[in-house]
PDB file of N, CA and C in Angstrom:
ATOM      1  N   MET A   1      95.833  96.750 115.113  1.00  0.00           N
ATOM      2  CA  MET A   1      95.346  96.205 116.231  1.00  0.00           C
ATOM      3  C   MET A   1      94.827  94.782 115.950  1.00  0.00           C
ATOM      4  N   ARG A   2      94.988  93.910 116.892  1.00  0.00           N
ATOM      5  CA  ARG A   2      94.412  92.567 116.693  1.00  0.00           C
ATOM      6  C   ARG A   2      92.888  92.670 116.741  1.00  0.00           C
ATOM      7  N   ARG A   3      92.224  91.960 115.850  1.00  0.00           N
ATOM      8  CA  ARG A   3      90.795  92.059 115.802  1.00  0.00           C
ATOM      9  C   ARG A   3      90.108  91.599 117.097  1.00  0.00           C
ATOM     10  N   PRO A   4      90.541  90.533 117.725  1.00  0.00           N
ATOM     11  CA  PRO A   4      89.910  90.151 119.024  1.00  0.00           C
ATOM     12  C   PRO A   4      90.034  91.264 120.066  1.00  0.00           C
ATOM     13  N   ALA A   5      91.188  91.982 120.078  1.00  0.00           N
ATOM     14  CA  ALA A   5      91.424  93.039 121.012  1.00  0.00           C
ATOM     15  C   ALA A   5      90.451  94.217 120.686  1.00  0.00           C
ATOM     16  N   TYR A   6      90.344  94.493 119.402  1.00  0.00           N
ATOM     17  CA  TYR A   6      89.405  95.576 119.017  1.00  0.00           C
ATOM     18  C   TYR A   6      87.995  95.228 119.447  1.00  0.00           C
ATOM     19  N   GLU A   7      87.551  94.038 119.136  1.00  0.00           N
ATOM     20  CA  GLU A   7      86.206  93.617 119.523  1.00  0.00           C
ATOM     21  C   GLU A   7      85.991  93.633 121.049  1.00  0.00           C
ATOM     22  N   LYS A   8      87.016  93.250 121.780  1.00  0.00           N
ATOM     23  CA  LYS A   8      86.923  93.242 123.280  1.00  0.00           C
ATOM     24  C   LYS A   8      86.877  94.636 123.853  1.00  0.00           C
ATOM     25  N   SER A   9      87.495  95.592 123.138  1.00  0.00           N
ATOM     26  CA  SER A   9      87.570  96.945 123.667  1.00  0.00           C
ATOM     27  C   SER A   9      86.266  97.718 123.689  1.00  0.00           C
ATOM     28  N   GLY A  10      85.350  97.332 122.842  1.00  0.00           N
ATOM     29  CA  GLY A  10      84.072  98.028 122.811  1.00  0.00           C
ATOM     30  C   GLY A  10      84.131  99.265 121.944  1.00  0.00           C
ATOM     31  N   LEU A  11      85.251  99.568 121.264  1.00  0.00           N
ATOM     32  CA  LEU A  11      85.363 100.741 120.453  1.00  0.00           C
ATOM     33  C   LEU A  11      84.333 100.591 119.257  1.00  0.00           C
ATOM     34  N   VAL A  12      83.840 101.682 118.822  1.00  0.00           N
ATOM     35  CA  VAL A  12      82.853 101.700 117.697  1.00  0.00           C
ATOM     36  C   VAL A  12      83.469 102.460 116.522  1.00  0.00           C
ATOM     37  N   ARG A  13      83.457 101.856 115.366  1.00  0.00           N
ATOM     38  CA  ARG A  13      84.100 102.486 114.208  1.00  0.00           C
ATOM     39  C   ARG A  13      83.579 103.902 113.981  1.00  0.00           C
ATOM     40  N   ALA A  14      82.288 104.147 113.968  1.00  0.00           N
ATOM     41  CA  ALA A  14      81.731 105.458 113.636  1.00  0.00           C
ATOM     42  C   ALA A  14      82.281 106.465 114.680  1.00  0.00           C
ATOM     43  N   ALA A  15      82.436 106.098 115.909  1.00  0.00           N
ATOM     44  CA  ALA A  15      83.000 107.047 116.902  1.00  0.00           C
ATOM     45  C   ALA A  15      84.443 107.320 116.599  1.00  0.00           C
ATOM     46  N   LEU A  16      85.204 106.307 116.219  1.00  0.00           N
ATOM     47  CA  LEU A  16      86.553 106.477 115.875  1.00  0.00           C
ATOM     48  C   LEU A  16      86.717 107.366 114.630  1.00  0.00           C
ATOM     49  N   ASP A  17      85.837 107.128 113.585  1.00  0.00           N
ATOM     50  CA  ASP A  17      85.871 107.946 112.416  1.00  0.00           C
ATOM     51  C   ASP A  17      85.698 109.357 112.715  1.00  0.00           C
ATOM     52  N   GLU A  18      84.692 109.703 113.522  1.00  0.00           N
ATOM     53  CA  GLU A  18      84.411 111.085 113.883  1.00  0.00           C
ATOM     54  C   GLU A  18      85.517 111.685 114.752  1.00  0.00           C
ATOM     55  N   ARG A  19      85.916 110.932 115.767  1.00  0.00           N
ATOM     56  CA  ARG A  19      86.923 111.452 116.683  1.00  0.00           C
ATOM     57  C   ARG A  19      88.276 111.719 116.033  1.00  0.00           C
ATOM     58  N   LEU A  20      88.701 110.833 115.084  1.00  0.00           N
ATOM     59  CA  LEU A  20      89.994 110.981 114.451  1.00  0.00           C
ATOM     60  C   LEU A  20      89.907 111.565 113.091  1.00  0.00           C
ATOM     61  N   GLY A  21      88.755 111.832 112.566  1.00  0.00           N
ATOM     62  CA  GLY A  21      88.592 112.369 111.260  1.00  0.00           C
ATOM     63  C   GLY A  21      88.990 111.425 110.124  1.00  0.00           C
ATOM     64  N   LEU A  22      88.597 110.117 110.267  1.00  0.00           N
ATOM     65  CA  LEU A  22      89.029 109.122 109.359  1.00  0.00           C
ATOM     66  C   LEU A  22      88.061 109.048 108.163  1.00  0.00           C
ATOM     67  N   THR A  23      88.627 108.724 107.021  1.00  0.00           N
ATOM     68  CA  THR A  23      87.864 108.420 105.825  1.00  0.00           C
ATOM     69  C   THR A  23      87.579 106.907 105.788  1.00  0.00           C
ATOM     70  N   ALA A  24      86.759 106.500 104.850  1.00  0.00           N
ATOM     71  CA  ALA A  24      86.416 105.071 104.757  1.00  0.00           C
ATOM     72  C   ALA A  24      87.666 104.194 104.501  1.00  0.00           C
ATOM     73  N   ALA A  25      88.628 104.749 103.815  1.00  0.00           N
ATOM     74  CA  ALA A  25      89.868 103.972 103.493  1.00  0.00           C
ATOM     75  C   ALA A  25      90.842 103.976 104.652  1.00  0.00           C
ATOM     76  N   GLU A  26      90.600 104.742 105.682  1.00  0.00           N
ATOM     77  CA  GLU A  26      91.517 104.804 106.825  1.00  0.00           C
ATOM     78  C   GLU A  26      91.023 103.973 107.998  1.00  0.00           C
ATOM     79  N   PHE A  27      90.133 103.104 107.755  1.00  0.00           N
ATOM     80  CA  PHE A  27      89.773 102.038 108.744  1.00  0.00           C
ATOM     81  C   PHE A  27      89.511 100.769 107.962  1.00  0.00           C
ATOM     82  N   ARG A  28      90.399  99.772 108.162  1.00  0.00           N
ATOM     83  CA  ARG A  28      90.301  98.585 107.350  1.00  0.00           C
ATOM     84  C   ARG A  28      90.410  97.361 108.264  1.00  0.00           C
ATOM     85  N   VAL A  29      89.703  96.311 107.917  1.00  0.00           N
ATOM     86  CA  VAL A  29      89.774  95.047 108.615  1.00  0.00           C
ATOM     87  C   VAL A  29      90.224  94.014 107.599  1.00  0.00           C
ATOM     88  N   ASP A  30      91.318  93.325 107.962  1.00  0.00           N
ATOM     89  CA  ASP A  30      91.846  92.291 107.017  1.00  0.00           C
ATOM     90  C   ASP A  30      92.155  91.101 107.929  1.00  0.00           C
ATOM     91  N   GLY A  31      91.279  90.034 107.829  1.00  0.00           N
ATOM     92  CA  GLY A  31      91.466  88.881 108.689  1.00  0.00           C
ATOM     93  C   GLY A  31      91.438  89.259 110.161  1.00  0.00           C
ATOM     94  N   ASP A  32      92.536  88.993 110.909  1.00  0.00           N
ATOM     95  CA  ASP A  32      92.573  89.311 112.336  1.00  0.00           C
ATOM     96  C   ASP A  32      93.228  90.585 112.644  1.00  0.00           C
ATOM     97  N   ILE A  33      93.415  91.483 111.702  1.00  0.00           N
ATOM     98  CA  ILE A  33      94.041  92.755 111.872  1.00  0.00           C
ATOM     99  C   ILE A  33      93.108  93.870 111.550  1.00  0.00           C
ATOM    100  N   VAL A  34      92.994  94.880 112.437  1.00  0.00           N
ATOM    101  CA  VAL A  34      92.187  96.090 112.260  1.00  0.00           C
ATOM    102  C   VAL A  34      93.244  97.212 112.073  1.00  0.00           C
ATOM    103  N   VAL A  35      93.167  97.913 110.986  1.00  0.00           N
ATOM    104  CA  VAL A  35      94.123  98.988 110.667  1.00  0.00           C
ATOM    105  C   VAL A  35      93.341 100.303 110.806  1.00  0.00           C
ATOM    106  N   ILE A  36      93.851 101.230 111.626  1.00  0.00           N
ATOM    107  CA  ILE A  36      93.207 102.526 111.829  1.00  0.00           C
ATOM    108  C   ILE A  36      94.277 103.549 111.453  1.00  0.00           C
ATOM    109  N   GLY A  37      93.912 104.400 110.473  1.00  0.00           N
ATOM    110  CA  GLY A  37      94.809 105.457 110.168  1.00  0.00           C
ATOM    111  C   GLY A  37      95.210 105.457 108.697  1.00  0.00           C
ATOM    112  N   PRO A  38      95.986 106.442 108.352  1.00  0.00           N
ATOM    113  CA  PRO A  38      96.788 107.248 109.206  1.00  0.00           C
ATOM    114  C   PRO A  38      95.982 108.252 109.968  1.00  0.00           C
ATOM    115  N   VAL A  39      96.480 108.600 111.190  1.00  0.00           N
ATOM    116  CA  VAL A  39      95.853 109.613 112.010  1.00  0.00           C
ATOM    117  C   VAL A  39      96.724 110.813 111.959  1.00  0.00           C
ATOM    118  N   TYR A  40      96.154 111.943 111.565  1.00  0.00           N
ATOM    119  CA  TYR A  40      96.991 113.157 111.366  1.00  0.00           C
ATOM    120  C   TYR A  40      96.939 114.078 112.595  1.00  0.00           C
ATOM    121  N   ASP A  41      96.052 113.868 113.543  1.00  0.00           N
ATOM    122  CA  ASP A  41      95.945 114.671 114.756  1.00  0.00           C
ATOM    123  C   ASP A  41      96.738 113.972 115.820  1.00  0.00           C
ATOM    124  N   GLY A  42      97.976 114.494 116.075  1.00  0.00           N
ATOM    125  CA  GLY A  42      98.879 113.915 117.078  1.00  0.00           C
ATOM    126  C   GLY A  42      98.306 113.744 118.460  1.00  0.00           C
ATOM    127  N   GLU A  43      97.641 114.797 118.903  1.00  0.00           N
ATOM    128  CA  GLU A  43      97.078 114.743 120.271  1.00  0.00           C
ATOM    129  C   GLU A  43      95.959 113.710 120.359  1.00  0.00           C
ATOM    130  N   ALA A  44      95.105 113.582 119.321  1.00  0.00           N
ATOM    131  CA  ALA A  44      94.066 112.601 119.345  1.00  0.00           C
ATOM    132  C   ALA A  44      94.610 111.231 119.269  1.00  0.00           C
ATOM    133  N   PHE A  45      95.720 111.007 118.548  1.00  0.00           N
ATOM    134  CA  PHE A  45      96.424 109.737 118.416  1.00  0.00           C
ATOM    135  C   PHE A  45      96.883 109.295 119.757  1.00  0.00           C
ATOM    136  N   VAL A  46      97.600 110.152 120.474  1.00  0.00           N
ATOM    137  CA  VAL A  46      98.157 109.878 121.786  1.00  0.00           C
ATOM    138  C   VAL A  46      97.035 109.511 122.728  1.00  0.00           C
ATOM    139  N   ALA A  47      95.932 110.295 122.682  1.00  0.00           N
ATOM    140  CA  ALA A  47      94.766 110.002 123.544  1.00  0.00           C
ATOM    141  C   ALA A  47      94.201 108.648 123.249  1.00  0.00           C
ATOM    142  N   LEU A  48      94.122 108.228 121.991  1.00  0.00           N
ATOM    143  CA  LEU A  48      93.622 106.915 121.647  1.00  0.00           C
ATOM    144  C   LEU A  48      94.492 105.814 122.240  1.00  0.00           C
ATOM    145  N   LEU A  49      95.795 105.964 122.097  1.00  0.00           N
ATOM    146  CA  LEU A  49      96.714 104.944 122.587  1.00  0.00           C
ATOM    147  C   LEU A  49      96.572 104.803 124.136  1.00  0.00           C
ATOM    148  N   GLU A  50      96.495 105.934 124.814  1.00  0.00           N
ATOM    149  CA  GLU A  50      96.250 105.954 126.248  1.00  0.00           C
ATOM    150  C   GLU A  50      94.978 105.324 126.672  1.00  0.00           C
ATOM    151  N   GLU A  51      93.944 105.578 125.868  1.00  0.00           N
ATOM    152  CA  GLU A  51      92.598 104.963 126.100  1.00  0.00           C
ATOM    153  C   GLU A  51      92.707 103.463 125.951  1.00  0.00           C
ATOM    154  N   LEU A  52      93.336 102.994 124.906  1.00  0.00           N
ATOM    155  CA  LEU A  52      93.444 101.561 124.693  1.00  0.00           C
ATOM    156  C   LEU A  52      94.103 100.882 125.901  1.00  0.00           C
ATOM    157  N   GLU A  53      95.135 101.496 126.434  1.00  0.00           N
ATOM    158  CA  GLU A  53      95.780 100.932 127.632  1.00  0.00           C
ATOM    159  C   GLU A  53      94.876 100.941 128.829  1.00  0.00           C
ATOM    160  N   ARG A  54      94.113 102.046 129.045  1.00  0.00           N
ATOM    161  CA  ARG A  54      93.185 102.128 130.140  1.00  0.00           C
ATOM    162  C   ARG A  54      92.094 101.022 130.013  1.00  0.00           C
ATOM    163  N   MET A  55      91.813 100.649 128.799  1.00  0.00           N
ATOM    164  CA  MET A  55      90.787  99.562 128.522  1.00  0.00           C
ATOM    165  C   MET A  55      91.373  98.170 128.850  1.00  0.00           C
ATOM    166  N   GLY A  56      92.694  98.138 129.124  1.00  0.00           N
ATOM    167  CA  GLY A  56      93.302  96.841 129.414  1.00  0.00           C
ATOM    168  C   GLY A  56      94.018  96.212 128.204  1.00  0.00           C
ATOM    169  N   LEU A  57      94.020  96.910 127.124  1.00  0.00           N
ATOM    170  CA  LEU A  57      94.770  96.380 125.951  1.00  0.00           C
ATOM    171  C   LEU A  57      96.260  96.603 126.189  1.00  0.00           C
ATOM    172  N   VAL A  58      97.047  95.670 125.720  1.00  0.00           N
ATOM    173  CA  VAL A  58      98.526  95.758 125.951  1.00  0.00           C
ATOM    174  C   VAL A  58      99.268  96.172 124.696  1.00  0.00           C
ATOM    175  N   TYR A  59     100.090  97.235 124.838  1.00  0.00           N
ATOM    176  CA  TYR A  59     100.817  97.707 123.717  1.00  0.00           C
ATOM    177  C   TYR A  59     101.774  96.569 123.207  1.00  0.00           C
ATOM    178  N   TYR A  60     101.783  96.342 121.949  1.00  0.00           N
ATOM    179  CA  TYR A  60     102.567  95.411 121.204  1.00  0.00           C
ATOM    180  C   TYR A  60     101.933  94.010 121.215  1.00  0.00           C
ATOM    181  N   ASP A  61     101.270  93.611 122.252  1.00  0.00           N
ATOM    182  CA  ASP A  61     100.561  92.349 122.240  1.00  0.00           C
ATOM    183  C   ASP A  61      99.202  92.447 121.562  1.00  0.00           C
ATOM    184  N   ASP A  62      98.483  93.532 121.822  1.00  0.00           N
ATOM    185  CA  ASP A  62      97.139  93.811 121.260  1.00  0.00           C
ATOM    186  C   ASP A  62      97.139  94.799 120.155  1.00  0.00           C
ATOM    187  N   PHE A  63      98.055  95.776 120.240  1.00  0.00           N
ATOM    188  CA  PHE A  63      98.092  96.871 119.212  1.00  0.00           C
ATOM    189  C   PHE A  63      99.511  97.455 119.180  1.00  0.00           C
ATOM    190  N   PHE A  64      99.793  98.093 118.073  1.00  0.00           N
ATOM    191  CA  PHE A  64     101.028  98.831 117.955  1.00  0.00           C
ATOM    192  C   PHE A  64     100.806  99.979 116.950  1.00  0.00           C
ATOM    193  N   GLU A  65     101.758 100.867 116.862  1.00  0.00           N
ATOM    194  CA  GLU A  65     101.660 101.989 115.978  1.00  0.00           C
ATOM    195  C   GLU A  65     102.960 102.155 115.102  1.00  0.00           C
ATOM    196  N   LEU A  66     102.710 102.615 113.910  1.00  0.00           N
ATOM    197  CA  LEU A  66     103.801 102.947 113.052  1.00  0.00           C
ATOM    198  C   LEU A  66     103.749 104.449 112.791  1.00  0.00           C
ATOM    199  N   SER A  67     104.636 105.159 113.462  1.00  0.00           N
ATOM    200  CA  SER A  67     104.662 106.621 113.302  1.00  0.00           C
ATOM    201  C   SER A  67     105.613 106.995 112.247  1.00  0.00           C
ATOM    202  N   GLY A  68     105.435 108.166 111.640  1.00  0.00           N
ATOM    203  CA  GLY A  68     106.426 108.650 110.703  1.00  0.00           C
ATOM    204  C   GLY A  68     105.755 108.925 109.323  1.00  0.00           C
ATOM    205  N   ASN A  69     106.520 109.572 108.608  1.00  0.00           N
ATOM    206  CA  ASN A  69     106.181 109.901 107.216  1.00  0.00           C
ATOM    207  C   ASN A  69     106.733 108.904 106.319  1.00  0.00           C
ATOM    208  N   TRP A  70     105.894 108.112 105.562  1.00  0.00           N
ATOM    209  CA  TRP A  70     106.337 107.057 104.726  1.00  0.00           C
ATOM    210  C   TRP A  70     106.263 107.558 103.284  1.00  0.00           C
ATOM    211  N   PRO A  71     107.166 107.104 102.482  1.00  0.00           N
ATOM    212  CA  PRO A  71     107.138 107.478 101.059  1.00  0.00           C
ATOM    213  C   PRO A  71     105.963 106.764 100.397  1.00  0.00           C
ATOM    214  N   ASP A  72     105.424 107.354  99.303  1.00  0.00           N
ATOM    215  CA  ASP A  72     104.292 106.815  98.622  1.00  0.00           C
ATOM    216  C   ASP A  72     104.450 105.416  98.104  1.00  0.00           C
ATOM    217  N   TRP A  73     105.697 105.025  97.841  1.00  0.00           N
ATOM    218  CA  TRP A  73     105.967 103.760  97.271  1.00  0.00           C
ATOM    219  C   TRP A  73     106.031 102.617  98.335  1.00  0.00           C
ATOM    220  N   LEU A  74     106.013 102.991  99.581  1.00  0.00           N
ATOM    221  CA  LEU A  74     106.111 101.990 100.644  1.00  0.00           C
ATOM    222  C   LEU A  74     104.735 101.526 101.120  1.00  0.00           C
ATOM    223  N   SER A  75     104.525 100.266 101.183  1.00  0.00           N
ATOM    224  CA  SER A  75     103.302  99.748 101.807  1.00  0.00           C
ATOM    225  C   SER A  75     103.756  98.694 102.877  1.00  0.00           C
ATOM    226  N   VAL A  76     102.989  98.525 103.891  1.00  0.00           N
ATOM    227  CA  VAL A  76     103.328  97.626 104.936  1.00  0.00           C
ATOM    228  C   VAL A  76     102.233  96.593 105.073  1.00  0.00           C
ATOM    229  N   LEU A  77     102.671  95.324 105.101  1.00  0.00           N
ATOM    230  CA  LEU A  77     101.725  94.219 105.261  1.00  0.00           C
ATOM    231  C   LEU A  77     101.939  93.649 106.639  1.00  0.00           C
ATOM    232  N   ALA A  78     100.879  93.528 107.375  1.00  0.00           N
ATOM    233  CA  ALA A  78     100.956  93.015 108.741  1.00  0.00           C
ATOM    234  C   ALA A  78      99.901  91.865 108.843  1.00  0.00           C
ATOM    235  N   GLY A  79     100.278  90.840 109.523  1.00  0.00           N
ATOM    236  CA  GLY A  79      99.350  89.714 109.755  1.00  0.00           C
ATOM    237  C   GLY A  79      99.879  88.799 110.803  1.00  0.00           C
ATOM    238  N   PRO A  80      99.048  87.881 111.200  1.00  0.00           N
ATOM    239  CA  PRO A  80      99.491  86.908 112.250  1.00  0.00           C
ATOM    240  C   PRO A  80     100.491  85.951 111.681  1.00  0.00           C
ATOM    241  N   VAL A  81     101.414  85.496 112.443  1.00  0.00           N
ATOM    242  CA  VAL A  81     102.331  84.542 112.129  1.00  0.00           C
ATOM    243  C   VAL A  81     101.775  83.173 112.508  1.00  0.00           C
ATOM    244  N   SER A  82     101.435  82.364 111.546  1.00  0.00           N
ATOM    245  CA  SER A  82     100.805  81.103 111.836  1.00  0.00           C
ATOM    246  C   SER A  82     101.325  79.954 111.013  1.00  0.00           C
ATOM    247  N   ALA A  83     102.167  80.234 110.043  1.00  0.00           N
ATOM    248  CA  ALA A  83     102.658  79.198 109.167  1.00  0.00           C
ATOM    249  C   ALA A  83     103.954  78.614 109.711  1.00  0.00           C
ATOM    250  N   PRO A  84     104.053  77.317 110.039  1.00  0.00           N
ATOM    251  CA  PRO A  84     105.349  76.809 110.436  1.00  0.00           C
ATOM    252  C   PRO A  84     106.329  76.786 109.232  1.00  0.00           C
ATOM    253  N   GLY A  85     107.517  76.878 109.586  1.00  0.00           N
ATOM    254  CA  GLY A  85     108.563  76.779 108.488  1.00  0.00           C
ATOM    255  C   GLY A  85     108.686  78.141 107.779  1.00  0.00           C
ATOM    256  N   ARG A  86     108.223  79.207 108.358  1.00  0.00           N
ATOM    257  CA  ARG A  86     108.352  80.517 107.739  1.00  0.00           C
ATOM    258  C   ARG A  86     109.771  80.867 107.534  1.00  0.00           C
ATOM    259  N   SER A  87     110.123  81.455 106.393  1.00  0.00           N
ATOM    260  CA  SER A  87     111.504  81.773 106.111  1.00  0.00           C
ATOM    261  C   SER A  87     112.007  82.856 107.052  1.00  0.00           C
ATOM    262  N   ASN A  88     113.258  82.836 107.378  1.00  0.00           N
ATOM    263  CA  ASN A  88     113.885  83.766 108.247  1.00  0.00           C
ATOM    264  C   ASN A  88     115.122  84.283 107.536  1.00  0.00           C
ATOM    265  N   PRO A  89     115.045  85.480 106.892  1.00  0.00           N
ATOM    266  CA  PRO A  89     116.148  85.990 106.069  1.00  0.00           C
ATOM    267  C   PRO A  89     117.439  86.145 106.869  1.00  0.00           C
ATOM    268  N   SER A  90     117.384  86.291 108.186  1.00  0.00           N
ATOM    269  CA  SER A  90     118.578  86.553 108.937  1.00  0.00           C
ATOM    270  C   SER A  90     119.355  85.274 109.258  1.00  0.00           C
ATOM    271  N   GLN A  91     118.780  84.138 108.952  1.00  0.00           N
ATOM    272  CA  GLN A  91     119.395  82.880 109.161  1.00  0.00           C
ATOM    273  C   GLN A  91     120.040  82.384 107.826  1.00  0.00           C
ATOM    274  N   PRO A  92     121.163  81.759 107.906  1.00  0.00           N
ATOM    275  CA  PRO A  92     121.806  81.295 106.691  1.00  0.00           C
ATOM    276  C   PRO A  92     120.986  80.161 106.098  1.00  0.00           C
ATOM    277  N   GLN A  93     120.943  80.138 104.762  1.00  0.00           N
ATOM    278  CA  GLN A  93     120.193  79.080 104.028  1.00  0.00           C
ATOM    279  C   GLN A  93     121.087  77.856 104.033  1.00  0.00           C
ATOM    280  N   ARG A  94     120.431  76.669 104.147  1.00  0.00           N
ATOM    281  CA  ARG A  94     121.169  75.399 104.133  1.00  0.00           C
ATOM    282  C   ARG A  94     120.798  74.603 102.920  1.00  0.00           C
TER     283      ARG A  94
END
């Protein structure tokens, strides 16, 4: 979730921890990104997504989810795109 969207939402970390059964490592803030999860309770997860939309947050613009079982060797890095000239591997190199 984008940090400004999280802050605008009024969500409280302690309430999320209790509601979703999160550990300290399952709620992280890195720059402008707030990472919540993994969330193991599917119904609670769907309810959270629905609540975010009721609060006026927009899926994909303000938050997104990565569902699925990931192998232990996979990590995902997410962050804002702000650097001009960022490489684009799908474009041929000149």
